[in-house]
mmCIF file of all heavy atoms, coordinates in Angstrom:
data_MODEL
# 
_entry.id   MODEL 
# 
loop_
_atom_site.group_PDB 
_atom_site.id 
_atom_site.type_symbol 
_atom_site.label_atom_id 
_atom_site.label_alt_id 
_atom_site.label_comp_id 
_atom_site.label_asym_id 
_atom_site.label_entity_id 
_atom_site.label_seq_id 
_atom_site.pdbx_PDB_ins_code 
_atom_site.Cartn_x 
_atom_site.Cartn_y 
_atom_site.Cartn_z 
_atom_site.occupancy 
_atom_site.B_iso_or_equiv 
_atom_site.pdbx_formal_charge 
_atom_site.auth_seq_id 
_atom_site.auth_comp_id 
_atom_site.auth_asym_id 
_atom_site.auth_atom_id 
_atom_site.pdbx_PDB_model_num 
ATOM 1   N N   . GLN A 1 1  ? -3.053 -1.945  -29.620 1.00 0.00 ? 1  GLN A N   1 
ATOM 2   C CA  . GLN A 1 1  ? -2.102 -1.228  -28.771 1.00 0.00 ? 1  GLN A CA  1 
ATOM 3   C C   . GLN A 1 1  ? -2.447 -1.458  -27.304 1.00 0.00 ? 1  GLN A C   1 
ATOM 4   O O   . GLN A 1 1  ? -3.610 -1.346  -26.906 1.00 0.00 ? 1  GLN A O   1 
ATOM 5   C CB  . GLN A 1 1  ? -2.133 0.278   -29.071 1.00 0.00 ? 1  GLN A CB  1 
ATOM 6   C CG  . GLN A 1 1  ? -1.691 0.641   -30.473 1.00 0.00 ? 1  GLN A CG  1 
ATOM 7   C CD  . GLN A 1 1  ? -1.693 2.143   -30.705 1.00 0.00 ? 1  GLN A CD  1 
ATOM 8   O OE1 . GLN A 1 1  ? -2.373 2.883   -30.006 1.00 0.00 ? 1  GLN A OE1 1 
ATOM 9   N NE2 . GLN A 1 1  ? -0.925 2.590   -31.672 1.00 0.00 ? 1  GLN A NE2 1 
ATOM 10  N N   . THR A 1 2  ? -1.439 -1.758  -26.526 1.00 0.00 ? 2  THR A N   1 
ATOM 11  C CA  . THR A 1 2  ? -1.641 -1.964  -25.099 1.00 0.00 ? 2  THR A CA  1 
ATOM 12  C C   . THR A 1 2  ? -1.989 -0.642  -24.416 1.00 0.00 ? 2  THR A C   1 
ATOM 13  O O   . THR A 1 2  ? -1.345 0.375   -24.662 1.00 0.00 ? 2  THR A O   1 
ATOM 14  C CB  . THR A 1 2  ? -0.367 -2.545  -24.451 1.00 0.00 ? 2  THR A CB  1 
ATOM 15  O OG1 . THR A 1 2  ? -0.030 -3.767  -25.112 1.00 0.00 ? 2  THR A OG1 1 
ATOM 16  C CG2 . THR A 1 2  ? -0.579 -2.806  -22.975 1.00 0.00 ? 2  THR A CG2 1 
ATOM 17  N N   . ALA A 1 3  ? -3.013 -0.664  -23.557 1.00 0.00 ? 3  ALA A N   1 
ATOM 18  C CA  . ALA A 1 3  ? -3.416 0.547   -22.840 1.00 0.00 ? 3  ALA A CA  1 
ATOM 19  C C   . ALA A 1 3  ? -3.279 0.392   -21.331 1.00 0.00 ? 3  ALA A C   1 
ATOM 20  O O   . ALA A 1 3  ? -2.848 1.318   -20.645 1.00 0.00 ? 3  ALA A O   1 
ATOM 21  C CB  . ALA A 1 3  ? -4.847 0.930   -23.195 1.00 0.00 ? 3  ALA A CB  1 
ATOM 22  N N   . VAL A 1 4  ? -3.678 -0.756  -20.796 1.00 0.00 ? 4  VAL A N   1 
ATOM 23  C CA  . VAL A 1 4  ? -3.591 -1.011  -19.354 1.00 0.00 ? 4  VAL A CA  1 
ATOM 24  C C   . VAL A 1 4  ? -3.173 -2.461  -19.136 1.00 0.00 ? 4  VAL A C   1 
ATOM 25  O O   . VAL A 1 4  ? -3.713 -3.366  -19.777 1.00 0.00 ? 4  VAL A O   1 
ATOM 26  C CB  . VAL A 1 4  ? -4.942 -0.765  -18.639 1.00 0.00 ? 4  VAL A CB  1 
ATOM 27  C CG1 . VAL A 1 4  ? -4.768 -0.871  -17.124 1.00 0.00 ? 4  VAL A CG1 1 
ATOM 28  C CG2 . VAL A 1 4  ? -5.537 0.589   -19.005 1.00 0.00 ? 4  VAL A CG2 1 
ATOM 29  N N   . VAL A 1 5  ? -2.219 -2.669  -18.226 1.00 0.00 ? 5  VAL A N   1 
ATOM 30  C CA  . VAL A 1 5  ? -1.765 -4.029  -17.903 1.00 0.00 ? 5  VAL A CA  1 
ATOM 31  C C   . VAL A 1 5  ? -1.854 -4.223  -16.388 1.00 0.00 ? 5  VAL A C   1 
ATOM 32  O O   . VAL A 1 5  ? -1.219 -3.493  -15.623 1.00 0.00 ? 5  VAL A O   1 
ATOM 33  C CB  . VAL A 1 5  ? -0.318 -4.277  -18.366 1.00 0.00 ? 5  VAL A CB  1 
ATOM 34  C CG1 . VAL A 1 5  ? 0.127  -5.687  -17.978 1.00 0.00 ? 5  VAL A CG1 1 
ATOM 35  C CG2 . VAL A 1 5  ? -0.187 -4.079  -19.862 1.00 0.00 ? 5  VAL A CG2 1 
ATOM 36  N N   . PHE A 1 6  ? -2.647 -5.212  -15.970 1.00 0.00 ? 6  PHE A N   1 
ATOM 37  C CA  . PHE A 1 6  ? -2.774 -5.561  -14.553 1.00 0.00 ? 6  PHE A CA  1 
ATOM 38  C C   . PHE A 1 6  ? -1.946 -6.812  -14.272 1.00 0.00 ? 6  PHE A C   1 
ATOM 39  O O   . PHE A 1 6  ? -2.011 -7.783  -15.029 1.00 0.00 ? 6  PHE A O   1 
ATOM 40  C CB  . PHE A 1 6  ? -4.230 -5.857  -14.182 1.00 0.00 ? 6  PHE A CB  1 
ATOM 41  C CG  . PHE A 1 6  ? -5.133 -4.656  -14.242 1.00 0.00 ? 6  PHE A CG  1 
ATOM 42  C CD1 . PHE A 1 6  ? -5.866 -4.384  -15.386 1.00 0.00 ? 6  PHE A CD1 1 
ATOM 43  C CD2 . PHE A 1 6  ? -5.254 -3.804  -13.157 1.00 0.00 ? 6  PHE A CD2 1 
ATOM 44  C CE1 . PHE A 1 6  ? -6.703 -3.285  -15.448 1.00 0.00 ? 6  PHE A CE1 1 
ATOM 45  C CE2 . PHE A 1 6  ? -6.088 -2.703  -13.200 1.00 0.00 ? 6  PHE A CE2 1 
ATOM 46  C CZ  . PHE A 1 6  ? -6.815 -2.440  -14.354 1.00 0.00 ? 6  PHE A CZ  1 
ATOM 47  N N   . THR A 1 7  ? -1.199 -6.761  -13.155 1.00 0.00 ? 7  THR A N   1 
ATOM 48  C CA  . THR A 1 7  ? -0.412 -7.921  -12.750 1.00 0.00 ? 7  THR A CA  1 
ATOM 49  C C   . THR A 1 7  ? -0.609 -8.164  -11.261 1.00 0.00 ? 7  THR A C   1 
ATOM 50  O O   . THR A 1 7  ? -0.315 -7.283  -10.449 1.00 0.00 ? 7  THR A O   1 
ATOM 51  C CB  . THR A 1 7  ? 1.084  -7.701  -13.033 1.00 0.00 ? 7  THR A CB  1 
ATOM 52  O OG1 . THR A 1 7  ? 1.257  -7.269  -14.387 1.00 0.00 ? 7  THR A OG1 1 
ATOM 53  C CG2 . THR A 1 7  ? 1.863  -8.984  -12.806 1.00 0.00 ? 7  THR A CG2 1 
ATOM 54  N N   . PRO A 1 8  ? -1.127 -9.328  -10.891 1.00 0.00 ? 8  PRO A N   1 
ATOM 55  C CA  . PRO A 1 8  ? -1.258 -9.645  -9.460  1.00 0.00 ? 8  PRO A CA  1 
ATOM 56  C C   . PRO A 1 8  ? 0.016  -10.304 -8.931  1.00 0.00 ? 8  PRO A C   1 
ATOM 57  O O   . PRO A 1 8  ? 0.482  -11.297 -9.493  1.00 0.00 ? 8  PRO A O   1 
ATOM 58  C CB  . PRO A 1 8  ? -2.440 -10.617 -9.429  1.00 0.00 ? 8  PRO A CB  1 
ATOM 59  C CG  . PRO A 1 8  ? -2.400 -11.292 -10.763 1.00 0.00 ? 8  PRO A CG  1 
ATOM 60  C CD  . PRO A 1 8  ? -1.772 -10.336 -11.743 1.00 0.00 ? 8  PRO A CD  1 
ATOM 61  N N   . PHE A 1 9  ? 0.586  -9.731  -7.897  1.00 0.00 ? 9  PHE A N   1 
ATOM 62  C CA  . PHE A 1 9  ? 1.738  -10.318 -7.228  1.00 0.00 ? 9  PHE A CA  1 
ATOM 63  C C   . PHE A 1 9  ? 1.315  -10.821 -5.850  1.00 0.00 ? 9  PHE A C   1 
ATOM 64  O O   . PHE A 1 9  ? 0.207  -10.515 -5.376  1.00 0.00 ? 9  PHE A O   1 
ATOM 65  C CB  . PHE A 1 9  ? 2.856  -9.283  -7.086  1.00 0.00 ? 9  PHE A CB  1 
ATOM 66  C CG  . PHE A 1 9  ? 3.468  -8.850  -8.388  1.00 0.00 ? 9  PHE A CG  1 
ATOM 67  C CD1 . PHE A 1 9  ? 3.076  -7.662  -8.984  1.00 0.00 ? 9  PHE A CD1 1 
ATOM 68  C CD2 . PHE A 1 9  ? 4.441  -9.625  -9.006  1.00 0.00 ? 9  PHE A CD2 1 
ATOM 69  C CE1 . PHE A 1 9  ? 3.633  -7.250  -10.186 1.00 0.00 ? 9  PHE A CE1 1 
ATOM 70  C CE2 . PHE A 1 9  ? 5.007  -9.221  -10.209 1.00 0.00 ? 9  PHE A CE2 1 
ATOM 71  C CZ  . PHE A 1 9  ? 4.606  -8.028  -10.802 1.00 0.00 ? 9  PHE A CZ  1 
ATOM 72  N N   . LYS A 1 10 ? 2.209  -11.546 -5.208  1.00 0.00 ? 10 LYS A N   1 
ATOM 73  C CA  . LYS A 1 10 ? 1.899  -12.067 -3.884  1.00 0.00 ? 10 LYS A CA  1 
ATOM 74  C C   . LYS A 1 10 ? 1.663  -10.940 -2.883  1.00 0.00 ? 10 LYS A C   1 
ATOM 75  O O   . LYS A 1 10 ? 0.774  -11.028 -2.028  1.00 0.00 ? 10 LYS A O   1 
ATOM 76  C CB  . LYS A 1 10 ? 3.047  -12.955 -3.395  1.00 0.00 ? 10 LYS A CB  1 
ATOM 77  C CG  . LYS A 1 10 ? 2.804  -13.591 -2.042  1.00 0.00 ? 10 LYS A CG  1 
ATOM 78  C CD  . LYS A 1 10 ? 3.974  -14.479 -1.635  1.00 0.00 ? 10 LYS A CD  1 
ATOM 79  C CE  . LYS A 1 10 ? 3.737  -15.091 -0.260  1.00 0.00 ? 10 LYS A CE  1 
ATOM 80  N NZ  . LYS A 1 10 ? 4.889  -15.953 0.157   1.00 0.00 ? 10 LYS A NZ  1 
ATOM 81  N N   . GLU A 1 11 ? 2.430  -9.860  -2.993  1.00 0.00 ? 11 GLU A N   1 
ATOM 82  C CA  . GLU A 1 11 ? 2.347  -8.772  -2.022  1.00 0.00 ? 11 GLU A CA  1 
ATOM 83  C C   . GLU A 1 11 ? 1.386  -7.665  -2.431  1.00 0.00 ? 11 GLU A C   1 
ATOM 84  O O   . GLU A 1 11 ? 0.941  -6.884  -1.582  1.00 0.00 ? 11 GLU A O   1 
ATOM 85  C CB  . GLU A 1 11 ? 3.742  -8.151  -1.803  1.00 0.00 ? 11 GLU A CB  1 
ATOM 86  C CG  . GLU A 1 11 ? 4.779  -9.094  -1.224  1.00 0.00 ? 11 GLU A CG  1 
ATOM 87  C CD  . GLU A 1 11 ? 5.455  -9.932  -2.302  1.00 0.00 ? 11 GLU A CD  1 
ATOM 88  O OE1 . GLU A 1 11 ? 5.207  -9.663  -3.503  1.00 0.00 ? 11 GLU A OE1 1 
ATOM 89  O OE2 . GLU A 1 11 ? 6.200  -10.870 -1.949  1.00 0.00 ? 11 GLU A OE2 1 
ATOM 90  N N   . TYR A 1 12 ? 1.071  -7.552  -3.716  1.00 0.00 ? 12 TYR A N   1 
ATOM 91  C CA  . TYR A 1 12 ? 0.268  -6.414  -4.180  1.00 0.00 ? 12 TYR A CA  1 
ATOM 92  C C   . TYR A 1 12 ? -0.294 -6.664  -5.578  1.00 0.00 ? 12 TYR A C   1 
ATOM 93  O O   . TYR A 1 12 ? 0.132  -7.594  -6.277  1.00 0.00 ? 12 TYR A O   1 
ATOM 94  C CB  . TYR A 1 12 ? 1.104  -5.131  -4.197  1.00 0.00 ? 12 TYR A CB  1 
ATOM 95  C CG  . TYR A 1 12 ? 2.360  -5.221  -5.036  1.00 0.00 ? 12 TYR A CG  1 
ATOM 96  C CD1 . TYR A 1 12 ? 2.349  -4.888  -6.394  1.00 0.00 ? 12 TYR A CD1 1 
ATOM 97  C CD2 . TYR A 1 12 ? 3.573  -5.635  -4.478  1.00 0.00 ? 12 TYR A CD2 1 
ATOM 98  C CE1 . TYR A 1 12 ? 3.491  -4.965  -7.161  1.00 0.00 ? 12 TYR A CE1 1 
ATOM 99  C CE2 . TYR A 1 12 ? 4.727  -5.732  -5.236  1.00 0.00 ? 12 TYR A CE2 1 
ATOM 100 C CZ  . TYR A 1 12 ? 4.680  -5.390  -6.585  1.00 0.00 ? 12 TYR A CZ  1 
ATOM 101 O OH  . TYR A 1 12 ? 5.822  -5.481  -7.351  1.00 0.00 ? 12 TYR A OH  1 
ATOM 102 N N   . HIS A 1 13 ? -1.258 -5.819  -5.973  1.00 0.00 ? 13 HIS A N   1 
ATOM 103 C CA  . HIS A 1 13 ? -1.737 -5.761  -7.350  1.00 0.00 ? 13 HIS A CA  1 
ATOM 104 C C   . HIS A 1 13 ? -1.102 -4.530  -8.006  1.00 0.00 ? 13 HIS A C   1 
ATOM 105 O O   . HIS A 1 13 ? -0.990 -3.479  -7.366  1.00 0.00 ? 13 HIS A O   1 
ATOM 106 C CB  . HIS A 1 13 ? -3.261 -5.625  -7.411  1.00 0.00 ? 13 HIS A CB  1 
ATOM 107 C CG  . HIS A 1 13 ? -4.007 -6.775  -6.822  1.00 0.00 ? 13 HIS A CG  1 
ATOM 108 N ND1 . HIS A 1 13 ? -3.727 -8.091  -7.144  1.00 0.00 ? 13 HIS A ND1 1 
ATOM 109 C CD2 . HIS A 1 13 ? -5.044 -6.824  -5.934  1.00 0.00 ? 13 HIS A CD2 1 
ATOM 110 C CE1 . HIS A 1 13 ? -4.545 -8.891  -6.481  1.00 0.00 ? 13 HIS A CE1 1 
ATOM 111 N NE2 . HIS A 1 13 ? -5.346 -8.145  -5.740  1.00 0.00 ? 13 HIS A NE2 1 
ATOM 112 N N   . ARG A 1 14 ? -0.755 -4.664  -9.265  1.00 0.00 ? 14 ARG A N   1 
ATOM 113 C CA  . ARG A 1 14 ? -0.107 -3.557  -9.973  1.00 0.00 ? 14 ARG A CA  1 
ATOM 114 C C   . ARG A 1 14 ? -0.799 -3.311  -11.306 1.00 0.00 ? 14 ARG A C   1 
ATOM 115 O O   . ARG A 1 14 ? -1.226 -4.247  -11.983 1.00 0.00 ? 14 ARG A O   1 
ATOM 116 C CB  . ARG A 1 14 ? 1.372  -3.864  -10.220 1.00 0.00 ? 14 ARG A CB  1 
ATOM 117 C CG  . ARG A 1 14 ? 2.149  -2.758  -10.919 1.00 0.00 ? 14 ARG A CG  1 
ATOM 118 C CD  . ARG A 1 14 ? 3.611  -3.168  -11.083 1.00 0.00 ? 14 ARG A CD  1 
ATOM 119 N NE  . ARG A 1 14 ? 4.429  -2.102  -11.628 1.00 0.00 ? 14 ARG A NE  1 
ATOM 120 C CZ  . ARG A 1 14 ? 4.599  -1.880  -12.936 1.00 0.00 ? 14 ARG A CZ  1 
ATOM 121 N NH1 . ARG A 1 14 ? 3.993  -2.662  -13.817 1.00 0.00 ? 14 ARG A NH1 1 
ATOM 122 N NH2 . ARG A 1 14 ? 5.359  -0.886  -13.367 1.00 0.00 ? 14 ARG A NH2 1 
ATOM 123 N N   . ALA A 1 15 ? -0.898 -2.039  -11.682 1.00 0.00 ? 15 ALA A N   1 
ATOM 124 C CA  . ALA A 1 15 ? -1.441 -1.672  -12.990 1.00 0.00 ? 15 ALA A CA  1 
ATOM 125 C C   . ALA A 1 15 ? -0.501 -0.668  -13.655 1.00 0.00 ? 15 ALA A C   1 
ATOM 126 O O   . ALA A 1 15 ? -0.101 0.321   -13.035 1.00 0.00 ? 15 ALA A O   1 
ATOM 127 C CB  . ALA A 1 15 ? -2.826 -1.055  -12.853 1.00 0.00 ? 15 ALA A CB  1 
ATOM 128 N N   . ALA A 1 16 ? -0.134 -0.948  -14.891 1.00 0.00 ? 16 ALA A N   1 
ATOM 129 C CA  . ALA A 1 16 ? 0.626  -0.010  -15.717 1.00 0.00 ? 16 ALA A CA  1 
ATOM 130 C C   . ALA A 1 16 ? -0.350 0.606   -16.704 1.00 0.00 ? 16 ALA A C   1 
ATOM 131 O O   . ALA A 1 16 ? -1.029 -0.111  -17.444 1.00 0.00 ? 16 ALA A O   1 
ATOM 132 C CB  . ALA A 1 16 ? 1.754  -0.725  -16.443 1.00 0.00 ? 16 ALA A CB  1 
ATOM 133 N N   . ILE A 1 17 ? -0.443 1.928   -16.705 1.00 0.00 ? 17 ILE A N   1 
ATOM 134 C CA  . ILE A 1 17 ? -1.472 2.634   -17.467 1.00 0.00 ? 17 ILE A CA  1 
ATOM 135 C C   . ILE A 1 17 ? -0.815 3.587   -18.462 1.00 0.00 ? 17 ILE A C   1 
ATOM 136 O O   . ILE A 1 17 ? 0.007  4.432   -18.084 1.00 0.00 ? 17 ILE A O   1 
ATOM 137 C CB  . ILE A 1 17 ? -2.407 3.416   -16.520 1.00 0.00 ? 17 ILE A CB  1 
ATOM 138 C CG1 . ILE A 1 17 ? -3.097 2.431   -15.561 1.00 0.00 ? 17 ILE A CG1 1 
ATOM 139 C CG2 . ILE A 1 17 ? -3.432 4.230   -17.310 1.00 0.00 ? 17 ILE A CG2 1 
ATOM 140 C CD1 . ILE A 1 17 ? -3.851 3.100   -14.428 1.00 0.00 ? 17 ILE A CD1 1 
ATOM 141 N N   . LEU A 1 18 ? -1.174 3.422   -19.717 1.00 0.00 ? 18 LEU A N   1 
ATOM 142 C CA  . LEU A 1 18 ? -0.651 4.281   -20.779 1.00 0.00 ? 18 LEU A CA  1 
ATOM 143 C C   . LEU A 1 18 ? -1.647 5.391   -21.032 1.00 0.00 ? 18 LEU A C   1 
ATOM 144 O O   . LEU A 1 18 ? -2.844 5.145   -21.210 1.00 0.00 ? 18 LEU A O   1 
ATOM 145 C CB  . LEU A 1 18 ? -0.440 3.467   -22.059 1.00 0.00 ? 18 LEU A CB  1 
ATOM 146 C CG  . LEU A 1 18 ? 0.371  4.123   -23.178 1.00 0.00 ? 18 LEU A CG  1 
ATOM 147 C CD1 . LEU A 1 18 ? 1.831  4.260   -22.763 1.00 0.00 ? 18 LEU A CD1 1 
ATOM 148 C CD2 . LEU A 1 18 ? 0.267  3.293   -24.454 1.00 0.00 ? 18 LEU A CD2 1 
ATOM 149 N N   . GLU A 1 19 ? -1.163 6.630   -21.045 1.00 0.00 ? 19 GLU A N   1 
ATOM 150 C CA  . GLU A 1 19 ? -2.025 7.798   -21.274 1.00 0.00 ? 19 GLU A CA  1 
ATOM 151 C C   . GLU A 1 19 ? -1.726 8.429   -22.624 1.00 0.00 ? 19 GLU A C   1 
ATOM 152 O O   . GLU A 1 19 ? -0.566 8.466   -23.058 1.00 0.00 ? 19 GLU A O   1 
ATOM 153 C CB  . GLU A 1 19 ? -1.792 8.848   -20.188 1.00 0.00 ? 19 GLU A CB  1 
ATOM 154 C CG  . GLU A 1 19 ? -2.173 8.453   -18.796 1.00 0.00 ? 19 GLU A CG  1 
ATOM 155 C CD  . GLU A 1 19 ? -1.930 9.609   -17.855 1.00 0.00 ? 19 GLU A CD  1 
ATOM 156 O OE1 . GLU A 1 19 ? -0.764 9.832   -17.481 1.00 0.00 ? 19 GLU A OE1 1 
ATOM 157 O OE2 . GLU A 1 19 ? -2.901 10.299  -17.509 1.00 0.00 ? 19 GLU A OE2 1 
ATOM 158 N N   . ARG A 1 20 ? -2.767 8.930   -23.259 1.00 0.00 ? 20 ARG A N   1 
ATOM 159 C CA  . ARG A 1 20 ? -2.590 9.707   -24.489 1.00 0.00 ? 20 ARG A CA  1 
ATOM 160 C C   . ARG A 1 20 ? -3.251 11.059  -24.294 1.00 0.00 ? 20 ARG A C   1 
ATOM 161 O O   . ARG A 1 20 ? -4.461 11.152  -24.098 1.00 0.00 ? 20 ARG A O   1 
ATOM 162 C CB  . ARG A 1 20 ? -3.208 8.984   -25.684 1.00 0.00 ? 20 ARG A CB  1 
ATOM 163 C CG  . ARG A 1 20 ? -2.487 7.702   -26.041 1.00 0.00 ? 20 ARG A CG  1 
ATOM 164 C CD  . ARG A 1 20 ? -2.927 7.150   -27.368 1.00 0.00 ? 20 ARG A CD  1 
ATOM 165 N NE  . ARG A 1 20 ? -4.354 6.881   -27.415 1.00 0.00 ? 20 ARG A NE  1 
ATOM 166 C CZ  . ARG A 1 20 ? -4.973 6.346   -28.442 1.00 0.00 ? 20 ARG A CZ  1 
ATOM 167 N NH1 . ARG A 1 20 ? -4.289 6.030   -29.523 1.00 0.00 ? 20 ARG A NH1 1 
ATOM 168 N NH2 . ARG A 1 20 ? -6.272 6.114   -28.412 1.00 0.00 ? 20 ARG A NH2 1 
ATOM 169 N N   . ARG A 1 21 ? -2.447 12.118  -24.329 1.00 0.00 ? 21 ARG A N   1 
ATOM 170 C CA  . ARG A 1 21 ? -2.976 13.464  -24.120 1.00 0.00 ? 21 ARG A CA  1 
ATOM 171 C C   . ARG A 1 21 ? -2.421 14.407  -25.177 1.00 0.00 ? 21 ARG A C   1 
ATOM 172 O O   . ARG A 1 21 ? -1.206 14.573  -25.286 1.00 0.00 ? 21 ARG A O   1 
ATOM 173 C CB  . ARG A 1 21 ? -2.575 14.002  -22.734 1.00 0.00 ? 21 ARG A CB  1 
ATOM 174 C CG  . ARG A 1 21 ? -3.151 13.225  -21.576 1.00 0.00 ? 21 ARG A CG  1 
ATOM 175 C CD  . ARG A 1 21 ? -2.816 13.925  -20.287 1.00 0.00 ? 21 ARG A CD  1 
ATOM 176 N NE  . ARG A 1 21 ? -3.235 13.156  -19.132 1.00 0.00 ? 21 ARG A NE  1 
ATOM 177 C CZ  . ARG A 1 21 ? -3.063 13.559  -17.885 1.00 0.00 ? 21 ARG A CZ  1 
ATOM 178 N NH1 . ARG A 1 21 ? -2.480 14.717  -17.648 1.00 0.00 ? 21 ARG A NH1 1 
ATOM 179 N NH2 . ARG A 1 21 ? -3.468 12.809  -16.879 1.00 0.00 ? 21 ARG A NH2 1 
ATOM 180 N N   . GLY A 1 22 ? -3.321 15.001  -25.917 1.00 0.00 ? 22 GLY A N   1 
ATOM 181 C CA  . GLY A 1 22 ? -2.906 15.996  -26.900 1.00 0.00 ? 22 GLY A CA  1 
ATOM 182 C C   . GLY A 1 22 ? -1.869 15.483  -27.882 1.00 0.00 ? 22 GLY A C   1 
ATOM 183 O O   . GLY A 1 22 ? -0.944 16.209  -28.250 1.00 0.00 ? 22 GLY A O   1 
ATOM 184 N N   . GLY A 1 23 ? -2.010 14.221  -28.291 1.00 0.00 ? 23 GLY A N   1 
ATOM 185 C CA  . GLY A 1 23 ? -1.072 13.654  -29.250 1.00 0.00 ? 23 GLY A CA  1 
ATOM 186 C C   . GLY A 1 23 ? 0.189  13.094  -28.616 1.00 0.00 ? 23 GLY A C   1 
ATOM 187 O O   . GLY A 1 23 ? 1.011  12.485  -29.298 1.00 0.00 ? 23 GLY A O   1 
ATOM 188 N N   . ARG A 1 24 ? 0.351  13.294  -27.319 1.00 0.00 ? 24 ARG A N   1 
ATOM 189 C CA  . ARG A 1 24 ? 1.519  12.773  -26.627 1.00 0.00 ? 24 ARG A CA  1 
ATOM 190 C C   . ARG A 1 24 ? 1.149  11.545  -25.790 1.00 0.00 ? 24 ARG A C   1 
ATOM 191 O O   . ARG A 1 24 ? 0.020  11.407  -25.353 1.00 0.00 ? 24 ARG A O   1 
ATOM 192 C CB  . ARG A 1 24 ? 2.140  13.844  -25.727 1.00 0.00 ? 24 ARG A CB  1 
ATOM 193 C CG  . ARG A 1 24 ? 2.718  15.035  -26.502 1.00 0.00 ? 24 ARG A CG  1 
ATOM 194 C CD  . ARG A 1 24 ? 3.311  16.055  -25.561 1.00 0.00 ? 24 ARG A CD  1 
ATOM 195 N NE  . ARG A 1 24 ? 2.297  16.591  -24.653 1.00 0.00 ? 24 ARG A NE  1 
ATOM 196 C CZ  . ARG A 1 24 ? 2.574  17.440  -23.661 1.00 0.00 ? 24 ARG A CZ  1 
ATOM 197 N NH1 . ARG A 1 24 ? 3.822  17.820  -23.441 1.00 0.00 ? 24 ARG A NH1 1 
ATOM 198 N NH2 . ARG A 1 24 ? 1.605  17.897  -22.892 1.00 0.00 ? 24 ARG A NH2 1 
# 
């Protein structure tokens, strides 16, 4: 399962972060 995705762009670095809290 994907949890964190880092993507480097020309203008910035980006991270998409998936959280799991209390079953949600």
